[in-house]
């Protein structure tokens, strides 16, 4: 996805544009929100090669074995395990 269409840039650009359109002598209120951080599978195209993701260590408590992961997923709603098993 092109960077200018990425949700972070889209929200920022629209907010800045709106702020620039406001009159200096009038009260206004702006509420904006960034939906970050992005999921690990959808970084902006410009960032994909920035970090060699295979070299990034997993969190300390990440379940190492498939049995551990599957046991945790089996405690959640069925769709979690279906996604993991690619059976959605």
PDB file of N, CA and C in Angstrom:
ATOM      1  N   UNK A   1       0.844  -1.173   0.000  1.00  0.00           N
ATOM      2  CA  UNK A   1       0.000   0.000   0.000  1.00  0.00           C
ATOM      3  C   UNK A   1       0.892   1.241   0.000  1.00  0.00           C
ATOM      4  N   UNK A   2       0.602   2.201  -0.832  1.00  0.00           N
ATOM      5  CA  UNK A   2       1.402   3.429  -0.838  1.00  0.00           C
ATOM      6  C   UNK A   2       1.316   4.161   0.510  1.00  0.00           C
ATOM      7  N   UNK A   3       2.398   4.745   0.908  1.00  0.00           N
ATOM      8  CA  UNK A   3       2.472   5.421   2.212  1.00  0.00           C
ATOM      9  C   UNK A   3       1.360   6.460   2.380  1.00  0.00           C
ATOM     10  N   UNK A   4       1.046   7.223   1.327  1.00  0.00           N
ATOM     11  CA  UNK A   4       0.032   8.287   1.463  1.00  0.00           C
ATOM     12  C   UNK A   4      -1.376   7.721   1.693  1.00  0.00           C
ATOM     13  N   UNK A   5      -1.585   6.437   1.434  1.00  0.00           N
ATOM     14  CA  UNK A   5      -2.890   5.813   1.702  1.00  0.00           C
ATOM     15  C   UNK A   5      -2.905   5.090   3.037  1.00  0.00           C
ATOM     16  N   UNK A   6      -1.749   4.952   3.652  1.00  0.00           N
ATOM     17  CA  UNK A   6      -1.660   4.225   4.921  1.00  0.00           C
ATOM     18  C   UNK A   6      -2.429   4.987   5.995  1.00  0.00           C
ATOM     19  N   UNK A   7      -3.100   4.276   6.867  1.00  0.00           N
ATOM     20  CA  UNK A   7      -4.023   4.919   7.810  1.00  0.00           C
ATOM     21  C   UNK A   7      -3.381   5.994   8.677  1.00  0.00           C
ATOM     22  N   UNK A   8      -2.154   5.822   9.105  1.00  0.00           N
ATOM     23  CA  UNK A   8      -1.510   6.835   9.949  1.00  0.00           C
ATOM     24  C   UNK A   8      -1.332   8.141   9.175  1.00  0.00           C
ATOM     25  N   UNK A   9      -0.806   8.039   7.981  1.00  0.00           N
ATOM     26  CA  UNK A   9      -0.605   9.235   7.162  1.00  0.00           C
ATOM     27  C   UNK A   9      -1.938   9.856   6.755  1.00  0.00           C
ATOM     28  N   UNK A  10      -2.915   9.035   6.435  1.00  0.00           N
ATOM     29  CA  UNK A  10      -4.234   9.519   6.029  1.00  0.00           C
ATOM     30  C   UNK A  10      -4.881  10.331   7.153  1.00  0.00           C
ATOM     31  N   UNK A  11      -4.849   9.795   8.377  1.00  0.00           N
ATOM     32  CA  UNK A  11      -5.432  10.509   9.519  1.00  0.00           C
ATOM     33  C   UNK A  11      -4.671  11.808   9.768  1.00  0.00           C
ATOM     34  N   UNK A  12      -3.344  11.750   9.755  1.00  0.00           N
ATOM     35  CA  UNK A  12      -2.537  12.951  10.003  1.00  0.00           C
ATOM     36  C   UNK A  12      -2.788  14.012   8.938  1.00  0.00           C
ATOM     37  N   UNK A  13      -2.778  13.611   7.688  1.00  0.00           N
ATOM     38  CA  UNK A  13      -2.959  14.580   6.601  1.00  0.00           C
ATOM     39  C   UNK A  13      -4.331  15.241   6.656  1.00  0.00           C
ATOM     40  N   UNK A  14      -5.373  14.458   6.908  1.00  0.00           N
ATOM     41  CA  UNK A  14      -6.724  15.025   6.989  1.00  0.00           C
ATOM     42  C   UNK A  14      -6.861  15.953   8.192  1.00  0.00           C
ATOM     43  N   UNK A  15      -6.246  15.587   9.311  1.00  0.00           N
ATOM     44  CA  UNK A  15      -6.318  16.427  10.506  1.00  0.00           C
ATOM     45  C   UNK A  15      -5.593  17.745  10.280  1.00  0.00           C
ATOM     46  N   UNK A  16      -4.400  17.671   9.718  1.00  0.00           N
ATOM     47  CA  UNK A  16      -3.634  18.896   9.440  1.00  0.00           C
ATOM     48  C   UNK A  16      -4.408  19.797   8.485  1.00  0.00           C
ATOM     49  N   UNK A  17      -4.974  19.214   7.450  1.00  0.00           N
ATOM     50  CA  UNK A  17      -5.740  20.000   6.483  1.00  0.00           C
ATOM     51  C   UNK A  17      -6.925  20.685   7.177  1.00  0.00           C
ATOM     52  N   UNK A  18      -7.622  19.948   8.030  1.00  0.00           N
ATOM     53  CA  UNK A  18      -8.762  20.527   8.743  1.00  0.00           C
ATOM     54  C   UNK A  18      -8.305  21.672   9.657  1.00  0.00           C
ATOM     55  N   UNK A  19      -7.205  21.452  10.387  1.00  0.00           N
ATOM     56  CA  UNK A  19      -6.691  22.496  11.278  1.00  0.00           C
ATOM     57  C   UNK A  19      -6.318  23.760  10.503  1.00  0.00           C
ATOM     58  N   UNK A  20      -5.726  23.588   9.347  1.00  0.00           N
ATOM     59  CA  UNK A  20      -5.324  24.739   8.530  1.00  0.00           C
ATOM     60  C   UNK A  20      -6.534  25.532   8.023  1.00  0.00           C
ATOM     61  N   UNK A  21      -7.678  24.887   7.926  1.00  0.00           N
ATOM     62  CA  UNK A  21      -8.893  25.558   7.441  1.00  0.00           C
ATOM     63  C   UNK A  21      -9.637  26.335   8.532  1.00  0.00           C
ATOM     64  N   UNK A  22      -9.245  26.166   9.789  1.00  0.00           N
ATOM     65  CA  UNK A  22      -9.962  26.822  10.882  1.00  0.00           C
ATOM     66  C   UNK A  22      -9.559  28.292  11.004  1.00  0.00           C
ATOM     67  N   UNK A  23     -10.542  29.097  11.318  1.00  0.00           N
ATOM     68  CA  UNK A  23     -10.286  30.528  11.495  1.00  0.00           C
ATOM     69  C   UNK A  23      -9.631  30.769  12.845  1.00  0.00           C
ATOM     70  N   UNK A  24      -8.618  31.627  12.864  1.00  0.00           N
ATOM     71  CA  UNK A  24      -7.844  31.877  14.085  1.00  0.00           C
ATOM     72  C   UNK A  24      -8.666  32.520  15.191  1.00  0.00           C
ATOM     73  N   UNK A  25      -9.706  33.274  14.854  1.00  0.00           N
ATOM     74  CA  UNK A  25     -10.472  33.996  15.874  1.00  0.00           C
ATOM     75  C   UNK A  25     -11.755  33.263  16.288  1.00  0.00           C
ATOM     76  N   UNK A  26     -11.903  31.998  15.901  1.00  0.00           N
ATOM     77  CA  UNK A  26     -13.085  31.217  16.274  1.00  0.00           C
ATOM     78  C   UNK A  26     -12.661  30.018  17.103  1.00  0.00           C
ATOM     79  N   UNK A  27     -13.505  29.670  18.071  1.00  0.00           N
ATOM     80  CA  UNK A  27     -13.240  28.473  18.867  1.00  0.00           C
ATOM     81  C   UNK A  27     -13.457  27.225  18.003  1.00  0.00           C
ATOM     82  N   UNK A  28     -12.691  26.212  18.262  1.00  0.00           N
ATOM     83  CA  UNK A  28     -12.890  24.936  17.582  1.00  0.00           C
ATOM     84  C   UNK A  28     -12.357  23.824  18.475  1.00  0.00           C
ATOM     85  N   UNK A  29     -12.758  22.617  18.160  1.00  0.00           N
ATOM     86  CA  UNK A  29     -12.322  21.433  18.890  1.00  0.00           C
ATOM     87  C   UNK A  29     -11.983  20.355  17.865  1.00  0.00           C
ATOM     88  N   UNK A  30     -10.890  19.701  18.052  1.00  0.00           N
ATOM     89  CA  UNK A  30     -10.484  18.635  17.135  1.00  0.00           C
ATOM     90  C   UNK A  30     -10.155  17.388  17.950  1.00  0.00           C
ATOM     91  N   UNK A  31     -10.750  16.291  17.550  1.00  0.00           N
ATOM     92  CA  UNK A  31     -10.441  15.010  18.168  1.00  0.00           C
ATOM     93  C   UNK A  31     -10.032  14.071  17.037  1.00  0.00           C
ATOM     94  N   UNK A  32      -8.800  13.615  17.094  1.00  0.00           N
ATOM     95  CA  UNK A  32      -8.336  12.662  16.085  1.00  0.00           C
ATOM     96  C   UNK A  32      -7.636  11.526  16.804  1.00  0.00           C
ATOM     97  N   UNK A  33      -7.550  10.401  16.132  1.00  0.00           N
ATOM     98  CA  UNK A  33      -6.949   9.229  16.763  1.00  0.00           C
ATOM     99  C   UNK A  33      -6.199   8.411  15.714  1.00  0.00           C
ATOM    100  N   UNK A  34      -4.990   8.008  16.073  1.00  0.00           N
ATOM    101  CA  UNK A  34      -4.217   7.135  15.206  1.00  0.00           C
ATOM    102  C   UNK A  34      -4.515   5.684  15.571  1.00  0.00           C
ATOM    103  N   UNK A  35      -4.798   4.844  14.585  1.00  0.00           N
ATOM    104  CA  UNK A  35      -5.087   3.441  14.877  1.00  0.00           C
ATOM    105  C   UNK A  35      -3.832   2.582  15.010  1.00  0.00           C
ATOM    106  N   UNK A  36      -2.722   3.184  15.362  1.00  0.00           N
ATOM    107  CA  UNK A  36      -1.478   2.430  15.513  1.00  0.00           C
ATOM    108  C   UNK A  36      -1.383   1.824  16.899  1.00  0.00           C
ATOM    109  N   UNK A  37      -0.491   0.914  17.141  1.00  0.00           N
ATOM    110  CA  UNK A  37       0.483   0.456  16.166  1.00  0.00           C
ATOM    111  C   UNK A  37      -0.157  -0.487  15.153  1.00  0.00           C
ATOM    112  N   UNK A  38       0.444  -0.541  13.988  1.00  0.00           N
ATOM    113  CA  UNK A  38      -0.089  -1.410  12.945  1.00  0.00           C
ATOM    114  C   UNK A  38       0.155  -2.874  13.322  1.00  0.00           C
ATOM    115  N   UNK A  39      -0.597  -3.748  12.715  1.00  0.00           N
ATOM    116  CA  UNK A  39      -0.362  -5.179  12.905  1.00  0.00           C
ATOM    117  C   UNK A  39       0.979  -5.537  12.268  1.00  0.00           C
ATOM    118  N   UNK A  40       1.607  -6.589  12.723  1.00  0.00           N
ATOM    119  CA  UNK A  40       2.920  -6.937  12.162  1.00  0.00           C
ATOM    120  C   UNK A  40       2.865  -7.349  10.696  1.00  0.00           C
ATOM    121  N   UNK A  41       1.700  -7.696  10.192  1.00  0.00           N
ATOM    122  CA  UNK A  41       1.619  -8.152   8.796  1.00  0.00           C
ATOM    123  C   UNK A  41       1.233  -7.043   7.822  1.00  0.00           C
ATOM    124  N   UNK A  42       1.037  -5.813   8.297  1.00  0.00           N
ATOM    125  CA  UNK A  42       0.670  -4.751   7.352  1.00  0.00           C
ATOM    126  C   UNK A  42       1.391  -3.434   7.587  1.00  0.00           C
ATOM    127  N   UNK A  43       2.730  -3.468   7.640  1.00  0.00           N
ATOM    128  CA  UNK A  43       3.443  -2.191   7.756  1.00  0.00           C
ATOM    129  C   UNK A  43       3.351  -1.422   6.443  1.00  0.00           C
ATOM    130  N   UNK A  44       3.592  -0.113   6.477  1.00  0.00           N
ATOM    131  CA  UNK A  44       3.626   0.641   5.219  1.00  0.00           C
ATOM    132  C   UNK A  44       4.700   0.058   4.303  1.00  0.00           C
ATOM    133  N   UNK A  45       4.454   0.133   3.023  1.00  0.00           N
ATOM    134  CA  UNK A  45       5.376  -0.433   2.028  1.00  0.00           C
ATOM    135  C   UNK A  45       6.804   0.077   2.231  1.00  0.00           C
ATOM    136  N   UNK A  46       6.927   1.360   2.579  1.00  0.00           N
ATOM    137  CA  UNK A  46       8.266   1.948   2.742  1.00  0.00           C
ATOM    138  C   UNK A  46       9.016   1.377   3.941  1.00  0.00           C
ATOM    139  N   UNK A  47       8.327   0.698   4.851  1.00  0.00           N
ATOM    140  CA  UNK A  47       8.961   0.200   6.070  1.00  0.00           C
ATOM    141  C   UNK A  47       9.245  -1.303   6.042  1.00  0.00           C
ATOM    142  N   UNK A  48       8.754  -1.993   5.026  1.00  0.00           N
ATOM    143  CA  UNK A  48       8.851  -3.456   5.006  1.00  0.00           C
ATOM    144  C   UNK A  48      10.287  -3.951   5.159  1.00  0.00           C
ATOM    145  N   UNK A  49      11.231  -3.351   4.464  1.00  0.00           N
ATOM    146  CA  UNK A  49      12.608  -3.824   4.528  1.00  0.00           C
ATOM    147  C   UNK A  49      13.473  -3.133   5.549  1.00  0.00           C
ATOM    148  N   UNK A  50      12.905  -2.226   6.329  1.00  0.00           N
ATOM    149  CA  UNK A  50      13.707  -1.428   7.271  1.00  0.00           C
ATOM    150  C   UNK A  50      14.310  -2.287   8.380  1.00  0.00           C
ATOM    151  N   UNK A  51      13.559  -3.242   8.882  1.00  0.00           N
ATOM    152  CA  UNK A  51      14.017  -4.091   9.986  1.00  0.00           C
ATOM    153  C   UNK A  51      13.958  -5.546   9.526  1.00  0.00           C
ATOM    154  N   UNK A  52      15.057  -6.284   9.651  1.00  0.00           N
ATOM    155  CA  UNK A  52      15.003  -7.705   9.310  1.00  0.00           C
ATOM    156  C   UNK A  52      14.189  -8.452  10.377  1.00  0.00           C
ATOM    157  N   UNK A  53      12.907  -8.622  10.122  1.00  0.00           N
ATOM    158  CA  UNK A  53      11.981  -9.117  11.146  1.00  0.00           C
ATOM    159  C   UNK A  53      12.336 -10.493  11.683  1.00  0.00           C
ATOM    160  N   UNK A  54      13.004 -11.299  10.913  1.00  0.00           N
ATOM    161  CA  UNK A  54      13.385 -12.633  11.409  1.00  0.00           C
ATOM    162  C   UNK A  54      14.441 -12.544  12.513  1.00  0.00           C
ATOM    163  N   UNK A  55      15.126 -11.400  12.594  1.00  0.00           N
ATOM    164  CA  UNK A  55      16.153 -11.211  13.613  1.00  0.00           C
ATOM    165  C   UNK A  55      15.609 -10.570  14.893  1.00  0.00           C
ATOM    166  N   UNK A  56      14.355 -10.162  14.876  1.00  0.00           N
ATOM    167  CA  UNK A  56      13.763  -9.523  16.050  1.00  0.00           C
ATOM    168  C   UNK A  56      13.389 -10.605  17.057  1.00  0.00           C
ATOM    169  N   UNK A  57      13.904 -10.538  18.281  1.00  0.00           N
ATOM    170  CA  UNK A  57      13.580 -11.583  19.257  1.00  0.00           C
ATOM    171  C   UNK A  57      12.104 -11.528  19.655  1.00  0.00           C
ATOM    172  N   UNK A  58      11.552 -12.693  19.885  1.00  0.00           N
ATOM    173  CA  UNK A  58      10.166 -12.774  20.344  1.00  0.00           C
ATOM    174  C   UNK A  58      10.100 -12.335  21.808  1.00  0.00           C
ATOM    175  N   UNK A  59       8.931 -11.902  22.260  1.00  0.00           N
ATOM    176  CA  UNK A  59       8.800 -11.522  23.668  1.00  0.00           C
ATOM    177  C   UNK A  59       9.188 -12.686  24.591  1.00  0.00           C
ATOM    178  N   UNK A  60       9.659 -12.364  25.760  1.00  0.00           N
ATOM    179  CA  UNK A  60      10.168 -13.365  26.700  1.00  0.00           C
ATOM    180  C   UNK A  60       9.147 -14.466  26.997  1.00  0.00           C
ATOM    181  N   UNK A  61       7.885 -14.114  27.131  1.00  0.00           N
ATOM    182  CA  UNK A  61       6.864 -15.095  27.500  1.00  0.00           C
ATOM    183  C   UNK A  61       6.171 -15.740  26.301  1.00  0.00           C
ATOM    184  N   UNK A  62       6.685 -15.542  25.102  1.00  0.00           N
ATOM    185  CA  UNK A  62       6.062 -16.120  23.913  1.00  0.00           C
ATOM    186  C   UNK A  62       6.140 -17.641  23.993  1.00  0.00           C
ATOM    187  N   UNK A  63       5.024 -18.324  23.788  1.00  0.00           N
ATOM    188  CA  UNK A  63       5.045 -19.790  23.852  1.00  0.00           C
ATOM    189  C   UNK A  63       5.910 -20.374  22.728  1.00  0.00           C
ATOM    190  N   UNK A  64       6.899 -21.151  23.098  1.00  0.00           N
ATOM    191  CA  UNK A  64       7.883 -21.654  22.142  1.00  0.00           C
ATOM    192  C   UNK A  64       7.390 -22.839  21.316  1.00  0.00           C
ATOM    193  N   UNK A  65       6.627 -23.712  21.911  1.00  0.00           N
ATOM    194  CA  UNK A  65       6.206 -24.911  21.181  1.00  0.00           C
ATOM    195  C   UNK A  65       4.800 -24.741  20.614  1.00  0.00           C
ATOM    196  N   UNK A  66       4.524 -25.508  19.561  1.00  0.00           N
ATOM    197  CA  UNK A  66       3.186 -25.489  18.959  1.00  0.00           C
ATOM    198  C   UNK A  66       2.143 -25.930  19.986  1.00  0.00           C
ATOM    199  N   UNK A  67       2.475 -26.908  20.824  1.00  0.00           N
ATOM    200  CA  UNK A  67       1.519 -27.372  21.845  1.00  0.00           C
ATOM    201  C   UNK A  67       1.145 -26.252  22.805  1.00  0.00           C
ATOM    202  N   UNK A  68       2.128 -25.467  23.231  1.00  0.00           N
ATOM    203  CA  UNK A  68       1.847 -24.337  24.131  1.00  0.00           C
ATOM    204  C   UNK A  68       0.932 -23.316  23.450  1.00  0.00           C
ATOM    205  N   UNK A  69       1.256 -22.977  22.199  1.00  0.00           N
ATOM    206  CA  UNK A  69       0.442 -22.003  21.468  1.00  0.00           C
ATOM    207  C   UNK A  69      -0.986 -22.513  21.276  1.00  0.00           C
ATOM    208  N   UNK A  70      -1.109 -23.757  20.866  1.00  0.00           N
ATOM    209  CA  UNK A  70      -2.431 -24.323  20.612  1.00  0.00           C
ATOM    210  C   UNK A  70      -3.251 -24.421  21.893  1.00  0.00           C
ATOM    211  N   UNK A  71      -2.608 -24.737  22.999  1.00  0.00           N
ATOM    212  CA  UNK A  71      -3.308 -24.796  24.288  1.00  0.00           C
ATOM    213  C   UNK A  71      -3.861 -23.418  24.661  1.00  0.00           C
ATOM    214  N   UNK A  72      -3.068 -22.374  24.443  1.00  0.00           N
ATOM    215  CA  UNK A  72      -3.536 -21.019  24.723  1.00  0.00           C
ATOM    216  C   UNK A  72      -4.688 -20.632  23.800  1.00  0.00           C
ATOM    217  N   UNK A  73      -4.556 -20.970  22.529  1.00  0.00           N
ATOM    218  CA  UNK A  73      -5.604 -20.628  21.567  1.00  0.00           C
ATOM    219  C   UNK A  73      -6.898 -21.376  21.861  1.00  0.00           C
ATOM    220  N   UNK A  74      -6.787 -22.596  22.350  1.00  0.00           N
ATOM    221  CA  UNK A  74      -7.981 -23.387  22.661  1.00  0.00           C
ATOM    222  C   UNK A  74      -8.770 -22.811  23.834  1.00  0.00           C
ATOM    223  N   UNK A  75      -8.167 -21.897  24.574  1.00  0.00           N
ATOM    224  CA  UNK A  75      -8.857 -21.236  25.682  1.00  0.00           C
ATOM    225  C   UNK A  75      -9.607 -19.985  25.214  1.00  0.00           C
ATOM    226  N   UNK A  76      -9.436 -19.637  23.958  1.00  0.00           N
ATOM    227  CA  UNK A  76     -10.075 -18.444  23.396  1.00  0.00           C
ATOM    228  C   UNK A  76     -11.259 -18.846  22.516  1.00  0.00           C
ATOM    229  N   UNK A  77     -11.917 -17.859  21.973  1.00  0.00           N
ATOM    230  CA  UNK A  77     -13.031 -18.137  21.060  1.00  0.00           C
ATOM    231  C   UNK A  77     -12.537 -18.978  19.876  1.00  0.00           C
ATOM    232  N   UNK A  78     -13.421 -19.794  19.316  1.00  0.00           N
ATOM    233  CA  UNK A  78     -13.046 -20.747  18.248  1.00  0.00           C
ATOM    234  C   UNK A  78     -12.340 -20.107  17.058  1.00  0.00           C
ATOM    235  N   UNK A  79     -12.724 -18.873  16.715  1.00  0.00           N
ATOM    236  CA  UNK A  79     -12.139 -18.268  15.515  1.00  0.00           C
ATOM    237  C   UNK A  79     -10.631 -18.044  15.641  1.00  0.00           C
ATOM    238  N   UNK A  80     -10.120 -17.891  16.852  1.00  0.00           N
ATOM    239  CA  UNK A  80      -8.673 -17.733  17.039  1.00  0.00           C
ATOM    240  C   UNK A  80      -7.946 -18.986  16.558  1.00  0.00           C
ATOM    241  N   UNK A  81      -8.432 -20.147  16.997  1.00  0.00           N
ATOM    242  CA  UNK A  81      -7.783 -21.406  16.607  1.00  0.00           C
ATOM    243  C   UNK A  81      -7.988 -21.666  15.113  1.00  0.00           C
ATOM    244  N   UNK A  82      -9.170 -21.336  14.591  1.00  0.00           N
ATOM    245  CA  UNK A  82      -9.430 -21.535  13.168  1.00  0.00           C
ATOM    246  C   UNK A  82      -8.462 -20.696  12.325  1.00  0.00           C
ATOM    247  N   UNK A  83      -8.214 -19.467  12.758  1.00  0.00           N
ATOM    248  CA  UNK A  83      -7.257 -18.605  12.039  1.00  0.00           C
ATOM    249  C   UNK A  83      -5.861 -19.227  12.092  1.00  0.00           C
ATOM    250  N   UNK A  84      -5.458 -19.677  13.275  1.00  0.00           N
ATOM    251  CA  UNK A  84      -4.138 -20.287  13.464  1.00  0.00           C
ATOM    252  C   UNK A  84      -3.994 -21.525  12.569  1.00  0.00           C
ATOM    253  N   UNK A  85      -5.048 -22.321  12.477  1.00  0.00           N
ATOM    254  CA  UNK A  85      -5.020 -23.545  11.673  1.00  0.00           C
ATOM    255  C   UNK A  85      -5.285 -23.259  10.189  1.00  0.00           C
ATOM    256  N   UNK A  86      -5.503 -22.002   9.847  1.00  0.00           N
ATOM    257  CA  UNK A  86      -5.823 -21.592   8.473  1.00  0.00           C
ATOM    258  C   UNK A  86      -7.080 -22.292   7.981  1.00  0.00           C
ATOM    259  N   UNK A  87      -8.050 -22.356   8.895  1.00  0.00           N
ATOM    260  CA  UNK A  87      -9.314 -23.029   8.556  1.00  0.00           C
ATOM    261  C   UNK A  87     -10.492 -22.079   8.688  1.00  0.00           C
ATOM    262  N   UNK A  88     -10.238 -20.789   8.513  1.00  0.00           N
ATOM    263  CA  UNK A  88     -11.300 -19.802   8.703  1.00  0.00           C
ATOM    264  C   UNK A  88     -12.271 -19.891   7.650  1.00  0.00           C
TER     265      UNK A  88
END
